[in-house]
C-alpha atoms as a PDB file:
ATOM      1  CA  MET A   1     -28.083   2.093  -1.651  1.00  0.00           C
ATOM      2  CA  LYS A   2     -24.324   2.621  -1.242  1.00  0.00           C
ATOM      3  CA  PRO A   3     -22.143   1.736  -4.250  1.00  0.00           C
ATOM      4  CA  GLN A   4     -19.964  -1.335  -3.776  1.00  0.00           C
ATOM      5  CA  THR A   5     -16.254  -0.637  -3.973  1.00  0.00           C
ATOM      6  CA  ILE A   6     -12.890  -2.339  -4.083  1.00  0.00           C
ATOM      7  CA  PHE A   7     -10.422  -1.080  -1.489  1.00  0.00           C
ATOM      8  CA  ASN A   8      -6.778  -1.277  -2.575  1.00  0.00           C
ATOM      9  CA  TRP A   9      -5.054  -2.418   0.592  1.00  0.00           C
ATOM     10  CA  SER A  10      -1.279  -2.491   1.060  1.00  0.00           C
ATOM     11  CA  GLY A  11      -1.359  -3.202   4.776  1.00  0.00           C
ATOM     12  CA  GLY A  12       0.289   0.168   5.396  1.00  0.00           C
ATOM     13  CA  LYS A  13      -0.555   3.473   6.974  1.00  0.00           C
ATOM     14  CA  ASP A  14      -1.993   5.381   3.999  1.00  0.00           C
ATOM     15  CA  SER A  15      -4.328   2.493   3.237  1.00  0.00           C
ATOM     16  CA  ALA A  16      -5.443   2.406   6.865  1.00  0.00           C
ATOM     17  CA  LEU A  17      -6.111   6.141   7.072  1.00  0.00           C
ATOM     18  CA  ALA A  18      -7.963   6.138   3.748  1.00  0.00           C
ATOM     19  CA  LEU A  19     -10.114   3.223   4.904  1.00  0.00           C
ATOM     20  CA  TYR A  20     -10.818   5.030   8.178  1.00  0.00           C
ATOM     21  CA  LYS A  21     -12.004   8.113   6.308  1.00  0.00           C
ATOM     22  CA  VAL A  22     -14.166   6.043   3.948  1.00  0.00           C
ATOM     23  CA  ARG A  23     -15.839   4.275   6.841  1.00  0.00           C
ATOM     24  CA  GLN A  24     -16.365   7.547   8.702  1.00  0.00           C
ATOM     25  CA  ALA A  25     -17.979   9.160   5.657  1.00  0.00           C
ATOM     26  CA  GLY A  26     -20.208   6.151   5.058  1.00  0.00           C
ATOM     27  CA  HIS A  27     -20.630   6.725   1.317  1.00  0.00           C
ATOM     28  CA  TYR A  28     -19.344   3.351   0.108  1.00  0.00           C
ATOM     29  CA  ASP A  29     -19.884  -0.324   0.841  1.00  0.00           C
ATOM     30  CA  ILE A  30     -16.512  -2.115   0.764  1.00  0.00           C
ATOM     31  CA  GLN A  31     -16.881  -5.270  -1.318  1.00  0.00           C
ATOM     32  CA  THR A  32     -13.350  -6.511  -0.700  1.00  0.00           C
ATOM     33  CA  LEU A  33      -9.813  -5.493   0.046  1.00  0.00           C
ATOM     34  CA  LEU A  34      -7.469  -6.072  -2.900  1.00  0.00           C
ATOM     35  CA  THR A  35      -3.752  -6.658  -2.332  1.00  0.00           C
ATOM     36  CA  THR A  36      -0.985  -7.578  -4.751  1.00  0.00           C
ATOM     37  CA  VAL A  37       1.138 -10.466  -3.519  1.00  0.00           C
ATOM     38  CA  SER A  38       4.392 -11.931  -4.809  1.00  0.00           C
ATOM     39  CA  THR A  39       3.604 -15.588  -5.515  1.00  0.00           C
ATOM     40  CA  PRO A  40       7.176 -16.934  -5.044  1.00  0.00           C
ATOM     41  CA  TYR A  41       7.601 -15.222  -1.667  1.00  0.00           C
ATOM     42  CA  GLN A  42       4.002 -15.020  -0.423  1.00  0.00           C
ATOM     43  CA  ARG A  43       4.534 -11.435   0.664  1.00  0.00           C
ATOM     44  CA  ILE A  44       2.780  -8.138  -0.057  1.00  0.00           C
ATOM     45  CA  SER A  45       4.332  -6.431  -3.085  1.00  0.00           C
ATOM     46  CA  MET A  46       6.970  -3.815  -2.167  1.00  0.00           C
ATOM     47  CA  HIS A  47       6.149  -3.969   1.549  1.00  0.00           C
ATOM     48  CA  GLY A  48       7.616  -7.445   2.004  1.00  0.00           C
ATOM     49  CA  VAL A  49       5.023  -8.419   4.635  1.00  0.00           C
ATOM     50  CA  ARG A  50       4.022 -12.078   4.933  1.00  0.00           C
ATOM     51  CA  THR A  51       0.527 -12.980   3.719  1.00  0.00           C
ATOM     52  CA  ALA A  52      -0.217 -14.566   7.103  1.00  0.00           C
ATOM     53  CA  LEU A  53      -0.081 -11.069   8.639  1.00  0.00           C
ATOM     54  CA  LEU A  54      -2.183  -9.651   5.793  1.00  0.00           C
ATOM     55  CA  GLU A  55      -4.825 -12.267   6.567  1.00  0.00           C
ATOM     56  CA  GLN A  56      -4.756 -11.294  10.247  1.00  0.00           C
ATOM     57  CA  GLN A  57      -5.280  -7.651   9.274  1.00  0.00           C
ATOM     58  CA  ALA A  58      -8.285  -8.517   7.108  1.00  0.00           C
ATOM     59  CA  ALA A  59      -9.819 -10.577   9.907  1.00  0.00           C
ATOM     60  CA  ALA A  60      -9.312  -7.742  12.413  1.00  0.00           C
ATOM     61  CA  LEU A  61     -10.890  -5.305   9.924  1.00  0.00           C
ATOM     62  CA  GLY A  62     -13.843  -7.637   9.342  1.00  0.00           C
ATOM     63  CA  LEU A  63     -13.371  -7.536   5.568  1.00  0.00           C
ATOM     64  CA  PRO A  64     -12.608 -10.163   2.914  1.00  0.00           C
ATOM     65  CA  CYS A  65      -9.270  -9.791   1.145  1.00  0.00           C
ATOM     66  CA  ARG A  66      -8.650 -10.741  -2.468  1.00  0.00           C
ATOM     67  CA  GLN A  67      -4.979 -11.509  -3.082  1.00  0.00           C
ATOM     68  CA  LEU A  68      -3.814 -10.774  -6.615  1.00  0.00           C
ATOM     69  CA  LEU A  69      -0.956 -13.229  -7.113  1.00  0.00           C
ATOM     70  CA  LEU A  70       1.911 -11.956  -9.253  1.00  0.00           C
ATOM     71  CA  PRO A  71       4.944 -13.812 -10.621  1.00  0.00           C
ATOM     72  CA  GLU A  72       8.367 -12.530  -9.654  1.00  0.00           C
ATOM     73  CA  MET A  73       9.193  -9.371 -11.653  1.00  0.00           C
ATOM     74  CA  PRO A  74       6.201  -9.572 -14.024  1.00  0.00           C
ATOM     75  CA  SER A  75       6.285  -7.649 -17.271  1.00  0.00           C
ATOM     76  CA  MET A  76       3.969  -4.660 -17.425  1.00  0.00           C
ATOM     77  CA  ALA A  77       1.810  -6.527 -19.927  1.00  0.00           C
ATOM     78  CA  THR A  78       1.482  -9.506 -17.553  1.00  0.00           C
ATOM     79  CA  TYR A  79       0.708  -7.256 -14.612  1.00  0.00           C
ATOM     80  CA  GLU A  80      -1.946  -5.282 -16.469  1.00  0.00           C
ATOM     81  CA  GLN A  81      -3.583  -8.448 -17.779  1.00  0.00           C
ATOM     82  CA  LEU A  82      -3.785 -10.024 -14.309  1.00  0.00           C
ATOM     83  CA  MET A  83      -5.020  -6.810 -12.711  1.00  0.00           C
ATOM     84  CA  GLY A  84      -7.512  -6.153 -15.508  1.00  0.00           C
ATOM     85  CA  ASP A  85      -8.948  -9.681 -15.272  1.00  0.00           C
ATOM     86  CA  THR A  86      -9.358  -9.310 -11.503  1.00  0.00           C
ATOM     87  CA  LEU A  87     -11.004  -5.899 -11.762  1.00  0.00           C
ATOM     88  CA  ARG A  88     -13.418  -7.096 -14.448  1.00  0.00           C
ATOM     89  CA  GLU A  89     -14.413 -10.008 -12.239  1.00  0.00           C
ATOM     90  CA  LEU A  90     -15.041  -7.722  -9.265  1.00  0.00           C
ATOM     91  CA  GLN A  91     -16.903  -5.226 -11.438  1.00  0.00           C
ATOM     92  CA  ALA A  92     -19.137  -8.025 -12.719  1.00  0.00           C
ATOM     93  CA  ALA A  93     -19.830  -8.946  -9.084  1.00  0.00           C
ATOM     94  CA  GLY A  94     -21.121  -5.419  -8.415  1.00  0.00           C
ATOM     95  CA  ALA A  95     -18.162  -3.136  -7.768  1.00  0.00           C
ATOM     96  CA  ALA A  96     -18.594   0.410  -9.086  1.00  0.00           C
ATOM     97  CA  ALA A  97     -15.421   2.061  -7.789  1.00  0.00           C
ATOM     98  CA  SER A  98     -11.909   1.382  -6.551  1.00  0.00           C
ATOM     99  CA  ILE A  99     -10.405   3.283  -3.609  1.00  0.00           C
ATOM    100  CA  PHE A 100      -6.734   4.239  -3.161  1.00  0.00           C
ATOM    101  CA  GLY A 101      -4.635   5.946  -0.490  1.00  0.00           C
ATOM    102  CA  ASP A 102      -2.618   8.068  -2.926  1.00  0.00           C
ATOM    103  CA  ILE A 103      -1.900  11.628  -1.827  1.00  0.00           C
ATOM    104  CA  PHE A 104      -0.187  13.719  -4.502  1.00  0.00           C
ATOM    105  CA  LEU A 105       1.462  11.721  -7.313  1.00  0.00           C
ATOM    106  CA  GLU A 106      -0.471  13.024 -10.299  1.00  0.00           C
ATOM    107  CA  ASP A 107       0.973  10.623 -12.888  1.00  0.00           C
ATOM    108  CA  LEU A 108       0.049   7.650 -10.726  1.00  0.00           C
ATOM    109  CA  ARG A 109      -3.481   8.968 -10.271  1.00  0.00           C
ATOM    110  CA  GLN A 110      -3.887   9.432 -14.025  1.00  0.00           C
ATOM    111  CA  TYR A 111      -2.622   5.893 -14.622  1.00  0.00           C
ATOM    112  CA  ARG A 112      -5.102   4.444 -12.140  1.00  0.00           C
ATOM    113  CA  GLU A 113      -8.023   6.427 -13.531  1.00  0.00           C
ATOM    114  CA  ALA A 114      -7.250   5.420 -17.103  1.00  0.00           C
ATOM    115  CA  LYS A 115      -6.918   1.719 -16.315  1.00  0.00           C
ATOM    116  CA  LEU A 116     -10.044   1.642 -14.173  1.00  0.00           C
ATOM    117  CA  ALA A 117     -12.055   3.427 -16.858  1.00  0.00           C
ATOM    118  CA  GLU A 118     -11.195   0.563 -19.230  1.00  0.00           C
ATOM    119  CA  VAL A 119     -13.162  -1.832 -17.014  1.00  0.00           C
ATOM    120  CA  GLY A 120     -15.947   0.571 -16.045  1.00  0.00           C
ATOM    121  CA  LEU A 121     -14.751   1.507 -12.559  1.00  0.00           C
ATOM    122  CA  LYS A 122     -14.380   4.909 -10.916  1.00  0.00           C
ATOM    123  CA  ALA A 123     -11.228   5.802  -8.947  1.00  0.00           C
ATOM    124  CA  VAL A 124     -11.648   7.338  -5.478  1.00  0.00           C
ATOM    125  CA  PHE A 125      -8.862   9.079  -3.505  1.00  0.00           C
ATOM    126  CA  PRO A 126      -9.930  10.003   0.077  1.00  0.00           C
ATOM    127  CA  LEU A 127      -6.520  11.480   1.015  1.00  0.00           C
ATOM    128  CA  TRP A 128      -5.846  13.385  -2.188  1.00  0.00           C
ATOM    129  CA  GLY A 129      -4.234  16.807  -1.814  1.00  0.00           C
ATOM    130  CA  VAL A 130      -4.034  16.833   1.982  1.00  0.00           C
ATOM    131  CA  PRO A 131      -0.568  17.884   3.228  1.00  0.00           C
ATOM    132  CA  THR A 132       1.357  14.776   4.215  1.00  0.00           C
ATOM    133  CA  ALA A 133       2.628  16.265   7.488  1.00  0.00           C
ATOM    134  CA  GLU A 134      -1.006  16.796   8.470  1.00  0.00           C
ATOM    135  CA  LEU A 135      -1.985  13.259   7.443  1.00  0.00           C
ATOM    136  CA  ILE A 136       0.739  11.493   9.390  1.00  0.00           C
ATOM    137  CA  ARG A 137      -0.046  13.403  12.567  1.00  0.00           C
ATOM    138  CA  GLU A 138      -3.757  12.684  12.134  1.00  0.00           C
ATOM    139  CA  PHE A 139      -2.868   9.012  11.714  1.00  0.00           C
ATOM    140  CA  ILE A 140      -0.828   8.963  14.927  1.00  0.00           C
ATOM    141  CA  GLY A 141      -3.409  11.048  16.797  1.00  0.00           C
ATOM    142  CA  LEU A 142      -6.194   8.601  15.923  1.00  0.00           C
ATOM    143  CA  GLY A 143      -4.265   5.841  17.677  1.00  0.00           C
ATOM    144  CA  PHE A 144      -2.985   3.905  14.686  1.00  0.00           C
ATOM    145  CA  LYS A 145       0.308   2.082  15.127  1.00  0.00           C
ATOM    146  CA  THR A 146       2.569   1.191  12.226  1.00  0.00           C
ATOM    147  CA  ILE A 147       6.093  -0.089  11.689  1.00  0.00           C
ATOM    148  CA  THR A 148       8.414   0.432   8.729  1.00  0.00           C
ATOM    149  CA  THR A 149       9.013  -2.807   6.836  1.00  0.00           C
ATOM    150  CA  CYS A 150      10.974  -1.463   3.868  1.00  0.00           C
ATOM    151  CA  VAL A 151      13.097   1.632   3.296  1.00  0.00           C
ATOM    152  CA  ASN A 152      14.677   2.817   0.065  1.00  0.00           C
ATOM    153  CA  GLU A 153      18.390   3.297   0.709  1.00  0.00           C
ATOM    154  CA  HIS A 154      18.450   6.191  -1.752  1.00  0.00           C
ATOM    155  CA  TYR A 155      16.568   8.181   0.907  1.00  0.00           C
ATOM    156  CA  LEU A 156      17.110   6.445   4.260  1.00  0.00           C
ATOM    157  CA  ASP A 157      19.677   4.206   5.899  1.00  0.00           C
ATOM    158  CA  ARG A 158      19.230   0.859   7.637  1.00  0.00           C
ATOM    159  CA  SER A 159      18.440   2.473  11.001  1.00  0.00           C
ATOM    160  CA  PHE A 160      14.989   3.550   9.765  1.00  0.00           C
ATOM    161  CA  VAL A 161      13.661   0.081   8.971  1.00  0.00           C
ATOM    162  CA  GLY A 162      11.820  -1.808  11.699  1.00  0.00           C
ATOM    163  CA  ARG A 163      10.888   1.391  13.555  1.00  0.00           C
ATOM    164  CA  VAL A 164       7.446   2.329  14.796  1.00  0.00           C
ATOM    165  CA  ILE A 165       6.342   5.644  13.306  1.00  0.00           C
ATOM    166  CA  ASP A 166       5.939   8.158  16.114  1.00  0.00           C
ATOM    167  CA  GLU A 167       7.040  11.720  16.809  1.00  0.00           C
ATOM    168  CA  ASP A 168      10.644  10.588  17.340  1.00  0.00           C
ATOM    169  CA  PHE A 169      10.643   8.893  13.940  1.00  0.00           C
ATOM    170  CA  LEU A 170       9.276  12.022  12.267  1.00  0.00           C
ATOM    171  CA  ARG A 171      11.893  14.219  13.957  1.00  0.00           C
ATOM    172  CA  ASP A 172      14.656  11.904  12.721  1.00  0.00           C
ATOM    173  CA  LEU A 173      13.564  11.983   9.074  1.00  0.00           C
ATOM    174  CA  PRO A 174      15.879  13.957   6.776  1.00  0.00           C
ATOM    175  CA  ALA A 175      14.333  17.146   5.424  1.00  0.00           C
ATOM    176  CA  HIS A 176      14.124  15.773   1.870  1.00  0.00           C
ATOM    177  CA  VAL A 177      12.019  12.740   2.907  1.00  0.00           C
ATOM    178  CA  ASP A 178       8.236  13.013   2.735  1.00  0.00           C
ATOM    179  CA  PRO A 179       6.692  12.280   6.174  1.00  0.00           C
ATOM    180  CA  CYS A 180       4.272   9.814   4.563  1.00  0.00           C
ATOM    181  CA  GLY A 181       6.921   8.318   2.293  1.00  0.00           C
ATOM    182  CA  GLU A 182       4.779   9.286  -0.691  1.00  0.00           C
ATOM    183  CA  ASN A 183       7.773   9.250  -3.036  1.00  0.00           C
ATOM    184  CA  GLY A 184       8.551   5.622  -2.180  1.00  0.00           C
ATOM    185  CA  GLU A 185      10.995   6.399   0.644  1.00  0.00           C
ATOM    186  CA  PHE A 186       9.517   3.777   2.988  1.00  0.00           C
ATOM    187  CA  HIS A 187       6.664   1.305   3.351  1.00  0.00           C
ATOM    188  CA  THR A 188       4.830   0.207   6.468  1.00  0.00           C
ATOM    189  CA  PHE A 189       2.635  -2.365   8.215  1.00  0.00           C
ATOM    190  CA  VAL A 190      -0.248  -1.203  10.430  1.00  0.00           C
ATOM    191  CA  PHE A 191      -0.736  -3.427  13.461  1.00  0.00           C
ATOM    192  CA  ASP A 192      -3.251  -1.566  15.633  1.00  0.00           C
ATOM    193  CA  GLY A 193      -5.739   1.276  15.559  1.00  0.00           C
ATOM    194  CA  PRO A 194      -9.403   2.266  15.617  1.00  0.00           C
ATOM    195  CA  LEU A 195     -10.318   0.058  12.642  1.00  0.00           C
ATOM    196  CA  PHE A 196      -9.038  -3.162  14.203  1.00  0.00           C
ATOM    197  CA  SER A 197     -11.016  -5.482  16.450  1.00  0.00           C
ATOM    198  CA  GLN A 198      -7.700  -6.523  18.014  1.00  0.00           C
ATOM    199  CA  PRO A 199      -3.999  -5.733  17.550  1.00  0.00           C
ATOM    200  CA  ILE A 200      -1.991  -7.825  15.099  1.00  0.00           C
ATOM    201  CA  ALA A 201       0.570  -9.957  16.953  1.00  0.00           C
ATOM    202  CA  PHE A 202       4.059 -10.174  15.446  1.00  0.00           C
ATOM    203  CA  GLU A 203       7.738 -10.122  16.283  1.00  0.00           C
ATOM    204  CA  LYS A 204      10.556  -8.407  14.420  1.00  0.00           C
ATOM    205  CA  GLY A 205      12.770 -10.832  12.535  1.00  0.00           C
ATOM    206  CA  GLU A 206      15.965 -10.304  10.589  1.00  0.00           C
ATOM    207  CA  ILE A 207      16.831  -7.192   8.616  1.00  0.00           C
ATOM    208  CA  VAL A 208      18.043  -7.875   5.081  1.00  0.00           C
ATOM    209  CA  HIS A 209      19.195  -5.849   2.085  1.00  0.00           C
ATOM    210  CA  ARG A 210      17.777  -6.444  -1.394  1.00  0.00           C
ATOM    211  CA  GLN A 211      18.584  -4.819  -4.714  1.00  0.00           C
ATOM    212  CA  TYR A 212      16.083  -4.680  -7.559  1.00  0.00           C
ATOM    213  CA  VAL A 213      15.540  -3.108 -10.925  1.00  0.00           C
ATOM    214  CA  ALA A 214      14.065   0.321 -10.194  1.00  0.00           C
ATOM    215  CA  PRO A 215      10.295   0.671 -10.707  1.00  0.00           C
ATOM    216  CA  ALA A 216       8.846   2.724 -13.511  1.00  0.00           C
ATOM    217  CA  PRO A 217       8.007   6.335 -12.502  1.00  0.00           C
ATOM    218  CA  GLN A 218       4.275   5.702 -12.152  1.00  0.00           C
ATOM    219  CA  SER A 219       4.863   2.990  -9.543  1.00  0.00           C
ATOM    220  CA  ALA A 220       6.846   5.074  -7.071  1.00  0.00           C
ATOM    221  CA  ASP A 221       3.871   5.438  -4.772  1.00  0.00           C
ATOM    222  CA  SER A 222       4.289   5.472  -1.043  1.00  0.00           C
ATOM    223  CA  ASP A 223       2.273   3.063   0.970  1.00  0.00           C
ATOM    224  CA  ASP A 224      -0.403   1.772  -1.294  1.00  0.00           C
ATOM    225  CA  TYR A 225      -0.002  -1.397  -3.246  1.00  0.00           C
ATOM    226  CA  ASP A 226       1.305  -0.528  -6.667  1.00  0.00           C
ATOM    227  CA  CYS A 227      -1.100  -0.205  -9.573  1.00  0.00           C
ATOM    228  CA  ALA A 228       2.014  -0.290 -11.752  1.00  0.00           C
ATOM    229  CA  PRO A 229       4.633  -2.409  -9.957  1.00  0.00           C
ATOM    230  CA  ALA A 230       8.324  -2.829 -10.492  1.00  0.00           C
ATOM    231  CA  THR A 231       8.454  -5.052 -13.563  1.00  0.00           C
ATOM    232  CA  ALA A 232      10.828  -6.596 -16.033  1.00  0.00           C
ATOM    233  CA  ASP A 233       9.950  -3.721 -18.393  1.00  0.00           C
ATOM    234  CA  ALA A 234      11.147  -1.076 -15.933  1.00  0.00           C
ATOM    235  CA  ALA A 235      14.226   1.121 -16.343  1.00  0.00           C
ATOM    236  CA  PRO A 236      17.395  -0.856 -15.541  1.00  0.00           C
ATOM    237  CA  ALA A 237      18.720   1.462 -12.824  1.00  0.00           C
ATOM    238  CA  PRO A 238      19.319  -0.548  -9.605  1.00  0.00           C
ATOM    239  CA  ALA A 239      17.504   0.320  -6.392  1.00  0.00           C
ATOM    240  CA  GLY A 240      18.502  -0.942  -2.951  1.00  0.00           C
ATOM    241  CA  PHE A 241      16.070  -1.578  -0.100  1.00  0.00           C
ATOM    242  CA  TRP A 242      16.329  -2.554   3.554  1.00  0.00           C
ATOM    243  CA  TYR A 243      13.595  -4.933   4.751  1.00  0.00           C
ATOM    244  CA  CYS A 244      12.593  -5.887   8.285  1.00  0.00           C
ATOM    245  CA  ASP A 245      10.907  -9.265   8.364  1.00  0.00           C
ATOM    246  CA  LEU A 246       7.823  -9.483  10.580  1.00  0.00           C
ATOM    247  CA  VAL A 247       6.976 -12.933  11.885  1.00  0.00           C
END
């Protein structure tokens, strides 16, 4: 019997590729997707994608999605309590592991493993250690389609938000930017690909600029939902982001 697992779903490309590899391998039974959502804005944390589109993704994937509702700028203590309560509930319902799309951020991996161990869950990383240039081209080659919804202005300018990731996008990236955005350079929304029963319909809305308190180092992951989000406890350095609204 396959172990039941939680799949940490951001709606973005690394999540989609990790889920594809898990399904291809066939070693786990996905109990539910788990996504952190900002309660005041009803959008996926960091990615800024509306929950209505998240729900369409889950339906097209044929999987239930548990939304972990967070207050605006929660403290780390609040975040960890809400996440811990949710994980304990899912573990009691049969989950044995939790799957992430992380690639190379060792401190983030250690954080996830430590927190999951507290509630009796194993952490699984299907993409771990694979070169990011290889992963992004595998993603495109498989037929996935994704659009950038958020870019960190420390790395990229406004012109990179709201773009579909293709070979032209990769050629335009500055040399210091990871092609998967693993250092938090950009976040994405996957709207089509081999996992989906149908494409997700949307239109591009307005592009806006937002400035926030910078996340703590362990939350600077690329495309996965954050296991340690930007919080009121984070370092006070400001961080600016460009968002493209999808409607």
